[in-house]
Amino acid sequence: MRPLLLAAALLAPLPAAAQDASTVLARVNGTEITLGHLVAMRARLPEQYRQLPDEVLYQGMLDQIVQQQVLADAARADIGRADELGLENETRAFLAGRMLERAATQPLDEAAVQAAYEERYASAEAAPEWNASHILVETETEARALKAQLDDGADFAELARSESTGPSGPNGGELGWFGTGQMVPVFEAAVAELEPGEVSDPVESQFGWHVVKLNETRLKEAPALEEVRPQIEQSLREAAVDAEIARLTDGAEVERPEVEVDPALIRDDALLD
């Protein structure tokens, strides 16, 4: 084989089967940048970057790691105590995050999901919900005048559209369905005392004076498991993370020397000089 052809053959990309995490893609001042470094970097990229075409992402990550290594080498020539401690903190945070991620992504037992659902919802009583409308005005005098018109047969929705200062006015005063705790207490209390179709006496809140009409009422049943599965799974994963932190902390040798430290010293950057 001619020398030029031999050189070309040696520089040709290795077949995929022969490449692994140790495959060297670049060397910076003697430090090897490997395929494994790129794989590890891609795994921690935001989703929008991971969707880029492979050739674009490959070259972009390789260029970035090379540049980072160049900068890191330059920084090591003048590294200070603050930098050393910062590196320790970054390494600690990275490894701790890895452990938390591992705990949070363990497969969930379906029986545990079902048990958590039943604990949260099985014994819960059906909660009342109301569908109401209101007319909001600034003074009690205005509110009482509106109540008198309604008692004389005026149409509630028309009065709301013409007189209400609230954002629901153009919609005839309709507030839609709401449950316990979604309205200010005085308003909720007034609604809860009404029968469907009944109109309240004027009610004052921090927003002004209300004349309230109850349209409908219903009992809200417990949601189906699939409706609340994401919330239940999230709470189970959070509990798993807390349990893993507690397990590892209990098994670690943690010592806290009895030393008096002024908390304000954390602001003294001169300590790192």
C-alpha atoms as a PDB file:
ATOM      1  CA  MET A   1       0.000   0.000   0.000  1.00  0.00           C
ATOM      2  CA  ARG A   2       1.350   3.460  -0.908  1.00  0.00           C
ATOM      3  CA  PRO A   3       2.263   5.785   2.000  1.00  0.00           C
ATOM      4  CA  LEU A   4      -0.543   8.281   1.209  1.00  0.00           C
ATOM      5  CA  LEU A   5      -3.134   5.521   0.975  1.00  0.00           C
ATOM      6  CA  LEU A   6      -1.842   3.998   4.194  1.00  0.00           C
ATOM      7  CA  ALA A   7      -2.160   7.363   5.962  1.00  0.00           C
ATOM      8  CA  ALA A   8      -5.706   7.799   4.666  1.00  0.00           C
ATOM      9  CA  ALA A   9      -6.651   4.343   5.899  1.00  0.00           C
ATOM     10  CA  LEU A  10      -5.261   5.102   9.348  1.00  0.00           C
ATOM     11  CA  LEU A  11      -7.223   8.370   9.550  1.00  0.00           C
ATOM     12  CA  ALA A  12     -10.517   6.864   8.385  1.00  0.00           C
ATOM     13  CA  PRO A  13     -13.293   6.715  11.021  1.00  0.00           C
ATOM     14  CA  LEU A  14     -13.456   3.488  12.966  1.00  0.00           C
ATOM     15  CA  PRO A  15     -16.503   1.312  12.308  1.00  0.00           C
ATOM     16  CA  ALA A  16     -19.266   1.824  14.877  1.00  0.00           C
ATOM     17  CA  ALA A  17     -18.741  -1.629  16.360  1.00  0.00           C
ATOM     18  CA  ALA A  18     -15.128  -0.731  17.211  1.00  0.00           C
ATOM     19  CA  GLN A  19     -16.019   2.542  18.947  1.00  0.00           C
ATOM     20  CA  ASP A  20     -16.825   2.812  22.644  1.00  0.00           C
ATOM     21  CA  ALA A  21     -16.750   5.373  25.442  1.00  0.00           C
ATOM     22  CA  SER A  22     -12.952   5.397  25.432  1.00  0.00           C
ATOM     23  CA  THR A  23     -12.678   6.373  21.758  1.00  0.00           C
ATOM     24  CA  VAL A  24     -10.506   9.517  21.659  1.00  0.00           C
ATOM     25  CA  LEU A  25     -11.973  12.393  19.656  1.00  0.00           C
ATOM     26  CA  ALA A  26      -9.473  15.112  20.563  1.00  0.00           C
ATOM     27  CA  ARG A  27      -6.508  15.861  22.805  1.00  0.00           C
ATOM     28  CA  VAL A  28      -6.024  19.220  24.496  1.00  0.00           C
ATOM     29  CA  ASN A  29      -2.624  19.761  26.075  1.00  0.00           C
ATOM     30  CA  GLY A  30      -2.441  16.008  26.539  1.00  0.00           C
ATOM     31  CA  THR A  31      -5.937  15.616  28.020  1.00  0.00           C
ATOM     32  CA  GLU A  32      -8.106  13.173  26.058  1.00  0.00           C
ATOM     33  CA  ILE A  33     -11.630  14.079  25.034  1.00  0.00           C
ATOM     34  CA  THR A  34     -13.543  10.861  24.425  1.00  0.00           C
ATOM     35  CA  LEU A  35     -16.809   9.734  22.922  1.00  0.00           C
ATOM     36  CA  GLY A  36     -17.900   8.961  26.477  1.00  0.00           C
ATOM     37  CA  HIS A  37     -17.557  12.631  27.409  1.00  0.00           C
ATOM     38  CA  LEU A  38     -19.992  13.560  24.630  1.00  0.00           C
ATOM     39  CA  VAL A  39     -22.478  10.848  25.597  1.00  0.00           C
ATOM     40  CA  ALA A  40     -22.405  12.032  29.225  1.00  0.00           C
ATOM     41  CA  MET A  41     -22.833  15.671  28.158  1.00  0.00           C
ATOM     42  CA  ARG A  42     -25.768  14.915  25.870  1.00  0.00           C
ATOM     43  CA  ALA A  43     -27.574  12.998  28.619  1.00  0.00           C
ATOM     44  CA  ARG A  44     -27.710  16.134  30.745  1.00  0.00           C
ATOM     45  CA  LEU A  45     -28.684  18.604  28.026  1.00  0.00           C
ATOM     46  CA  PRO A  46     -32.161  20.208  28.015  1.00  0.00           C
ATOM     47  CA  GLU A  47     -34.613  18.330  25.821  1.00  0.00           C
ATOM     48  CA  GLN A  48     -34.664  20.966  23.064  1.00  0.00           C
ATOM     49  CA  TYR A  49     -30.922  20.544  22.483  1.00  0.00           C
ATOM     50  CA  ARG A  50     -31.089  16.745  22.513  1.00  0.00           C
ATOM     51  CA  GLN A  51     -33.485  16.950  19.559  1.00  0.00           C
ATOM     52  CA  LEU A  52     -30.865  18.565  17.312  1.00  0.00           C
ATOM     53  CA  PRO A  53     -29.505  16.477  14.410  1.00  0.00           C
ATOM     54  CA  ASP A  54     -26.734  14.143  15.559  1.00  0.00           C
ATOM     55  CA  GLU A  55     -24.052  15.680  13.354  1.00  0.00           C
ATOM     56  CA  VAL A  56     -24.860  19.194  14.622  1.00  0.00           C
ATOM     57  CA  LEU A  57     -24.955  18.112  18.248  1.00  0.00           C
ATOM     58  CA  TYR A  58     -21.789  16.019  17.921  1.00  0.00           C
ATOM     59  CA  GLN A  59     -19.714  18.832  16.501  1.00  0.00           C
ATOM     60  CA  GLY A  60     -21.164  21.447  18.825  1.00  0.00           C
ATOM     61  CA  MET A  61     -20.491  19.400  21.960  1.00  0.00           C
ATOM     62  CA  LEU A  62     -16.995  18.448  20.844  1.00  0.00           C
ATOM     63  CA  ASP A  63     -16.104  22.071  20.133  1.00  0.00           C
ATOM     64  CA  GLN A  64     -17.531  23.117  23.500  1.00  0.00           C
ATOM     65  CA  ILE A  65     -15.594  20.498  25.476  1.00  0.00           C
ATOM     66  CA  VAL A  66     -12.376  21.384  23.674  1.00  0.00           C
ATOM     67  CA  GLN A  67     -12.898  25.060  24.491  1.00  0.00           C
ATOM     68  CA  GLN A  68     -13.773  24.233  28.104  1.00  0.00           C
ATOM     69  CA  GLN A  69     -10.587  22.177  28.434  1.00  0.00           C
ATOM     70  CA  VAL A  70      -8.491  25.014  27.017  1.00  0.00           C
ATOM     71  CA  LEU A  71     -10.038  27.417  29.516  1.00  0.00           C
ATOM     72  CA  ALA A  72      -9.744  24.939  32.381  1.00  0.00           C
ATOM     73  CA  ASP A  73      -6.045  24.397  31.670  1.00  0.00           C
ATOM     74  CA  ALA A  74      -5.474  28.141  31.697  1.00  0.00           C
ATOM     75  CA  ALA A  75      -7.421  28.507  34.954  1.00  0.00           C
ATOM     76  CA  ARG A  76      -5.394  25.784  36.695  1.00  0.00           C
ATOM     77  CA  ALA A  77      -2.258  27.849  36.173  1.00  0.00           C
ATOM     78  CA  ASP A  78      -3.645  30.439  38.561  1.00  0.00           C
ATOM     79  CA  ILE A  79      -6.150  28.542  40.712  1.00  0.00           C
ATOM     80  CA  GLY A  80      -6.880  29.983  44.135  1.00  0.00           C
ATOM     81  CA  ARG A  81      -8.376  28.646  47.343  1.00  0.00           C
ATOM     82  CA  ALA A  82     -11.805  29.944  46.401  1.00  0.00           C
ATOM     83  CA  ASP A  83     -11.599  28.042  43.104  1.00  0.00           C
ATOM     84  CA  GLU A  84     -10.559  24.829  44.861  1.00  0.00           C
ATOM     85  CA  LEU A  85     -13.464  25.058  47.286  1.00  0.00           C
ATOM     86  CA  GLY A  86     -15.825  25.922  44.444  1.00  0.00           C
ATOM     87  CA  LEU A  87     -14.725  22.801  42.561  1.00  0.00           C
ATOM     88  CA  GLU A  88     -15.352  20.702  45.658  1.00  0.00           C
ATOM     89  CA  ASN A  89     -18.842  22.200  45.981  1.00  0.00           C
ATOM     90  CA  GLU A  90     -19.615  21.623  42.294  1.00  0.00           C
ATOM     91  CA  THR A  91     -18.457  17.998  42.462  1.00  0.00           C
ATOM     92  CA  ARG A  92     -20.446  17.432  45.642  1.00  0.00           C
ATOM     93  CA  ALA A  93     -23.574  18.978  44.135  1.00  0.00           C
ATOM     94  CA  PHE A  94     -23.235  16.975  40.907  1.00  0.00           C
ATOM     95  CA  LEU A  95     -22.878  13.645  42.703  1.00  0.00           C
ATOM     96  CA  ALA A  96     -25.663  14.460  45.157  1.00  0.00           C
ATOM     97  CA  GLY A  97     -27.946  15.369  42.270  1.00  0.00           C
ATOM     98  CA  ARG A  98     -27.111  12.096  40.579  1.00  0.00           C
ATOM     99  CA  MET A  99     -28.178  10.155  43.671  1.00  0.00           C
ATOM    100  CA  LEU A 100     -31.411  12.129  43.960  1.00  0.00           C
ATOM    101  CA  GLU A 101     -32.153  11.574  40.282  1.00  0.00           C
ATOM    102  CA  ARG A 102     -31.588   7.850  40.703  1.00  0.00           C
ATOM    103  CA  ALA A 103     -33.946   7.702  43.688  1.00  0.00           C
ATOM    104  CA  ALA A 104     -36.609   9.751  41.890  1.00  0.00           C
ATOM    105  CA  THR A 105     -36.613   7.626  38.729  1.00  0.00           C
ATOM    106  CA  GLN A 106     -36.966   4.187  40.276  1.00  0.00           C
ATOM    107  CA  PRO A 107     -39.973   2.260  38.870  1.00  0.00           C
ATOM    108  CA  LEU A 108     -43.090   2.749  40.988  1.00  0.00           C
ATOM    109  CA  ASP A 109     -44.993  -0.225  42.332  1.00  0.00           C
ATOM    110  CA  GLU A 110     -48.566  -0.087  41.034  1.00  0.00           C
ATOM    111  CA  ALA A 111     -49.778  -1.410  44.376  1.00  0.00           C
ATOM    112  CA  ALA A 112     -48.162   1.592  46.071  1.00  0.00           C
ATOM    113  CA  VAL A 113     -49.869   3.966  43.639  1.00  0.00           C
ATOM    114  CA  GLN A 114     -53.233   2.322  44.318  1.00  0.00           C
ATOM    115  CA  ALA A 115     -52.677   2.420  48.075  1.00  0.00           C
ATOM    116  CA  ALA A 116     -51.765   6.111  47.993  1.00  0.00           C
ATOM    117  CA  TYR A 117     -54.855   6.861  45.909  1.00  0.00           C
ATOM    118  CA  GLU A 118     -57.132   5.029  48.309  1.00  0.00           C
ATOM    119  CA  GLU A 119     -55.560   6.691  51.326  1.00  0.00           C
ATOM    120  CA  ARG A 120     -56.086  10.116  49.834  1.00  0.00           C
ATOM    121  CA  TYR A 121     -59.477   9.715  48.185  1.00  0.00           C
ATOM    122  CA  ALA A 122     -61.319   6.547  49.230  1.00  0.00           C
ATOM    123  CA  SER A 123     -62.593   7.916  52.538  1.00  0.00           C
ATOM    124  CA  ALA A 124     -63.004  11.491  51.364  1.00  0.00           C
ATOM    125  CA  GLU A 125     -66.557  12.794  51.475  1.00  0.00           C
ATOM    126  CA  ALA A 126     -68.073  14.327  48.380  1.00  0.00           C
ATOM    127  CA  ALA A 127     -67.439  18.064  48.485  1.00  0.00           C
ATOM    128  CA  PRO A 128     -70.074  20.654  47.594  1.00  0.00           C
ATOM    129  CA  GLU A 129     -69.629  22.844  44.529  1.00  0.00           C
ATOM    130  CA  TRP A 130     -71.676  25.827  43.486  1.00  0.00           C
ATOM    131  CA  ASN A 131     -72.479  27.534  40.211  1.00  0.00           C
ATOM    132  CA  ALA A 132     -73.326  31.156  40.952  1.00  0.00           C
ATOM    133  CA  SER A 133     -73.623  34.603  39.417  1.00  0.00           C
ATOM    134  CA  HIS A 134     -73.171  37.998  41.041  1.00  0.00           C
ATOM    135  CA  ILE A 135     -73.529  41.701  40.453  1.00  0.00           C
ATOM    136  CA  LEU A 136     -70.722  43.772  41.946  1.00  0.00           C
ATOM    137  CA  VAL A 137     -71.200  47.463  42.788  1.00  0.00           C
ATOM    138  CA  GLU A 138     -69.379  49.991  44.967  1.00  0.00           C
ATOM    139  CA  THR A 139     -71.992  50.888  47.592  1.00  0.00           C
ATOM    140  CA  GLU A 140     -74.610  49.186  49.725  1.00  0.00           C
ATOM    141  CA  THR A 141     -77.232  51.635  48.444  1.00  0.00           C
ATOM    142  CA  GLU A 142     -76.616  50.509  44.851  1.00  0.00           C
ATOM    143  CA  ALA A 143     -76.724  46.870  45.884  1.00  0.00           C
ATOM    144  CA  ARG A 144     -80.025  47.251  47.733  1.00  0.00           C
ATOM    145  CA  ALA A 145     -81.562  49.051  44.766  1.00  0.00           C
ATOM    146  CA  LEU A 146     -80.538  46.178  42.498  1.00  0.00           C
ATOM    147  CA  LYS A 147     -81.964  43.628  44.955  1.00  0.00           C
ATOM    148  CA  ALA A 148     -85.283  45.505  44.920  1.00  0.00           C
ATOM    149  CA  GLN A 149     -85.383  45.397  41.108  1.00  0.00           C
ATOM    150  CA  LEU A 150     -84.659  41.657  41.159  1.00  0.00           C
ATOM    151  CA  ASP A 151     -87.420  41.094  43.711  1.00  0.00           C
ATOM    152  CA  ASP A 152     -89.749  42.899  41.316  1.00  0.00           C
ATOM    153  CA  GLY A 153     -88.852  40.487  38.504  1.00  0.00           C
ATOM    154  CA  ALA A 154     -85.883  42.112  36.759  1.00  0.00           C
ATOM    155  CA  ASP A 155     -83.598  39.765  34.820  1.00  0.00           C
ATOM    156  CA  PHE A 156     -80.422  39.041  36.783  1.00  0.00           C
ATOM    157  CA  ALA A 157     -78.151  38.572  33.756  1.00  0.00           C
ATOM    158  CA  GLU A 158     -79.327  41.816  32.123  1.00  0.00           C
ATOM    159  CA  LEU A 159     -78.724  43.793  35.312  1.00  0.00           C
ATOM    160  CA  ALA A 160     -75.282  42.234  35.670  1.00  0.00           C
ATOM    161  CA  ARG A 161     -74.357  43.235  32.122  1.00  0.00           C
ATOM    162  CA  SER A 162     -75.519  46.828  32.615  1.00  0.00           C
ATOM    163  CA  GLU A 163     -74.599  47.479  36.261  1.00  0.00           C
ATOM    164  CA  SER A 164     -71.842  45.155  37.493  1.00  0.00           C
ATOM    165  CA  THR A 165     -68.326  46.555  37.830  1.00  0.00           C
ATOM    166  CA  GLY A 166     -66.792  43.056  38.048  1.00  0.00           C
ATOM    167  CA  PRO A 167     -65.091  41.218  35.167  1.00  0.00           C
ATOM    168  CA  SER A 168     -67.985  38.724  35.018  1.00  0.00           C
ATOM    169  CA  GLY A 169     -70.477  41.492  34.234  1.00  0.00           C
ATOM    170  CA  PRO A 170     -70.356  41.169  30.423  1.00  0.00           C
ATOM    171  CA  ASN A 171     -71.075  37.455  30.865  1.00  0.00           C
ATOM    172  CA  GLY A 172     -74.248  38.131  32.829  1.00  0.00           C
ATOM    173  CA  GLY A 173     -72.394  37.850  36.132  1.00  0.00           C
ATOM    174  CA  GLU A 174     -71.739  34.118  35.749  1.00  0.00           C
ATOM    175  CA  LEU A 175     -68.836  32.799  37.831  1.00  0.00           C
ATOM    176  CA  GLY A 176     -69.066  29.157  36.785  1.00  0.00           C
ATOM    177  CA  TRP A 177     -68.429  26.263  39.157  1.00  0.00           C
ATOM    178  CA  PHE A 178     -66.297  26.693  42.271  1.00  0.00           C
ATOM    179  CA  GLY A 179     -65.681  24.750  45.453  1.00  0.00           C
ATOM    180  CA  THR A 180     -64.797  25.369  49.061  1.00  0.00           C
ATOM    181  CA  GLY A 181     -61.980  27.854  49.536  1.00  0.00           C
ATOM    182  CA  GLN A 182     -62.016  29.250  46.008  1.00  0.00           C
ATOM    183  CA  MET A 183     -63.944  32.404  46.905  1.00  0.00           C
ATOM    184  CA  VAL A 184     -63.481  34.862  49.762  1.00  0.00           C
ATOM    185  CA  PRO A 185     -65.122  33.462  52.938  1.00  0.00           C
ATOM    186  CA  VAL A 186     -67.954  35.991  53.181  1.00  0.00           C
ATOM    187  CA  PHE A 187     -68.957  35.365  49.562  1.00  0.00           C
ATOM    188  CA  GLU A 188     -68.788  31.580  49.964  1.00  0.00           C
ATOM    189  CA  ALA A 189     -70.870  31.754  53.147  1.00  0.00           C
ATOM    190  CA  ALA A 190     -73.567  33.741  51.347  1.00  0.00           C
ATOM    191  CA  VAL A 191     -73.684  31.277  48.459  1.00  0.00           C
ATOM    192  CA  ALA A 192     -73.838  28.267  50.783  1.00  0.00           C
ATOM    193  CA  GLU A 193     -77.006  29.624  52.427  1.00  0.00           C
ATOM    194  CA  LEU A 194     -78.925  29.971  49.153  1.00  0.00           C
ATOM    195  CA  GLU A 195     -81.179  27.531  47.351  1.00  0.00           C
ATOM    196  CA  PRO A 196     -80.864  27.175  43.560  1.00  0.00           C
ATOM    197  CA  GLY A 197     -82.531  30.162  41.884  1.00  0.00           C
ATOM    198  CA  GLU A 198     -82.472  32.255  45.064  1.00  0.00           C
ATOM    199  CA  VAL A 199     -80.862  35.725  45.253  1.00  0.00           C
ATOM    200  CA  SER A 200     -79.025  36.950  48.334  1.00  0.00           C
ATOM    201  CA  ASP A 201     -79.296  40.190  50.218  1.00  0.00           C
ATOM    202  CA  PRO A 202     -76.339  42.515  49.577  1.00  0.00           C
ATOM    203  CA  VAL A 203     -73.036  41.051  50.780  1.00  0.00           C
ATOM    204  CA  GLU A 204     -69.897  43.141  51.407  1.00  0.00           C
ATOM    205  CA  SER A 205     -66.375  41.934  50.667  1.00  0.00           C
ATOM    206  CA  GLN A 206     -63.051  43.678  50.076  1.00  0.00           C
ATOM    207  CA  PHE A 207     -64.061  43.998  46.414  1.00  0.00           C
ATOM    208  CA  GLY A 208     -67.287  45.894  47.053  1.00  0.00           C
ATOM    209  CA  TRP A 209     -70.968  44.939  47.447  1.00  0.00           C
ATOM    210  CA  HIS A 210     -72.342  41.787  45.859  1.00  0.00           C
ATOM    211  CA  VAL A 211     -75.808  40.606  44.992  1.00  0.00           C
ATOM    212  CA  VAL A 212     -75.468  36.856  44.518  1.00  0.00           C
ATOM    213  CA  LYS A 213     -77.629  34.322  42.709  1.00  0.00           C
ATOM    214  CA  LEU A 214     -77.114  30.571  43.133  1.00  0.00           C
ATOM    215  CA  ASN A 215     -77.721  28.807  39.811  1.00  0.00           C
ATOM    216  CA  GLU A 216     -76.930  25.185  40.651  1.00  0.00           C
ATOM    217  CA  THR A 217     -75.264  23.053  43.289  1.00  0.00           C
ATOM    218  CA  ARG A 218     -73.673  19.595  43.140  1.00  0.00           C
ATOM    219  CA  LEU A 219     -71.437  17.222  45.041  1.00  0.00           C
ATOM    220  CA  LYS A 220     -67.999  16.661  43.595  1.00  0.00           C
ATOM    221  CA  GLU A 221     -67.078  12.986  43.800  1.00  0.00           C
ATOM    222  CA  ALA A 222     -63.543  11.695  44.253  1.00  0.00           C
ATOM    223  CA  PRO A 223     -61.586  11.756  40.966  1.00  0.00           C
ATOM    224  CA  ALA A 224     -60.693   8.537  39.168  1.00  0.00           C
ATOM    225  CA  LEU A 225     -57.181   7.223  39.716  1.00  0.00           C
ATOM    226  CA  GLU A 226     -56.052   8.121  36.194  1.00  0.00           C
ATOM    227  CA  GLU A 227     -57.094  11.749  36.705  1.00  0.00           C
ATOM    228  CA  VAL A 228     -54.769  12.179  39.668  1.00  0.00           C
ATOM    229  CA  ARG A 229     -52.090   9.630  38.806  1.00  0.00           C
ATOM    230  CA  PRO A 230     -49.439  12.276  37.926  1.00  0.00           C
ATOM    231  CA  GLN A 231     -49.848  13.993  41.308  1.00  0.00           C
ATOM    232  CA  ILE A 232     -49.797  10.702  43.208  1.00  0.00           C
ATOM    233  CA  GLU A 233     -46.728   9.445  41.372  1.00  0.00           C
ATOM    234  CA  GLN A 234     -44.971  12.755  41.992  1.00  0.00           C
ATOM    235  CA  SER A 235     -45.683  12.564  45.721  1.00  0.00           C
ATOM    236  CA  LEU A 236     -44.433   8.967  45.839  1.00  0.00           C
ATOM    237  CA  ARG A 237     -41.220   9.936  44.062  1.00  0.00           C
ATOM    238  CA  GLU A 238     -40.684  12.846  46.452  1.00  0.00           C
ATOM    239  CA  ALA A 239     -41.221  10.475  49.380  1.00  0.00           C
ATOM    240  CA  ALA A 240     -38.704   8.044  47.866  1.00  0.00           C
ATOM    241  CA  VAL A 241     -36.130  10.833  47.581  1.00  0.00           C
ATOM    242  CA  ASP A 242     -36.701  11.894  51.200  1.00  0.00           C
ATOM    243  CA  ALA A 243     -36.420   8.283  52.357  1.00  0.00           C
ATOM    244  CA  GLU A 244     -33.147   7.780  50.477  1.00  0.00           C
ATOM    245  CA  ILE A 245     -31.674  10.960  51.936  1.00  0.00           C
ATOM    246  CA  ALA A 246     -32.674   9.824  55.426  1.00  0.00           C
ATOM    247  CA  ARG A 247     -31.289   6.308  54.869  1.00  0.00           C
ATOM    248  CA  LEU A 248     -27.914   7.514  53.623  1.00  0.00           C
ATOM    249  CA  THR A 249     -27.652  10.229  56.264  1.00  0.00           C
ATOM    250  CA  ASP A 250     -28.453   7.776  59.063  1.00  0.00           C
ATOM    251  CA  GLY A 251     -25.759   5.430  57.768  1.00  0.00           C
ATOM    252  CA  ALA A 252     -23.096   8.113  57.410  1.00  0.00           C
ATOM    253  CA  GLU A 253     -20.611   9.268  60.013  1.00  0.00           C
ATOM    254  CA  VAL A 254     -21.589  12.901  60.445  1.00  0.00           C
ATOM    255  CA  GLU A 255     -19.652  14.927  62.994  1.00  0.00           C
ATOM    256  CA  ARG A 256     -20.377  18.542  63.898  1.00  0.00           C
ATOM    257  CA  PRO A 257     -17.576  19.927  66.093  1.00  0.00           C
ATOM    258  CA  GLU A 258     -18.773  22.236  68.868  1.00  0.00           C
ATOM    259  CA  VAL A 259     -17.289  25.454  67.572  1.00  0.00           C
ATOM    260  CA  GLU A 260     -18.655  28.966  67.903  1.00  0.00           C
ATOM    261  CA  VAL A 261     -18.889  30.649  64.508  1.00  0.00           C
ATOM    262  CA  ASP A 262     -20.268  34.081  63.747  1.00  0.00           C
ATOM    263  CA  PRO A 263     -22.800  33.469  60.933  1.00  0.00           C
ATOM    264  CA  ALA A 264     -21.839  36.821  59.415  1.00  0.00           C
ATOM    265  CA  LEU A 265     -18.469  35.339  58.457  1.00  0.00           C
ATOM    266  CA  ILE A 266     -20.055  33.672  55.419  1.00  0.00           C
ATOM    267  CA  ARG A 267     -19.982  37.152  53.841  1.00  0.00           C
ATOM    268  CA  ASP A 268     -16.244  37.616  54.407  1.00  0.00           C
ATOM    269  CA  ASP A 269     -14.639  36.800  51.036  1.00  0.00           C
ATOM    270  CA  ALA A 270     -11.257  37.795  52.458  1.00  0.00           C
ATOM    271  CA  LEU A 271     -11.160  34.480  54.318  1.00  0.00           C
ATOM    272  CA  LEU A 272     -10.396  32.807  50.977  1.00  0.00           C
ATOM    273  CA  ASP A 273      -7.454  35.054  50.096  1.00  0.00           C
END
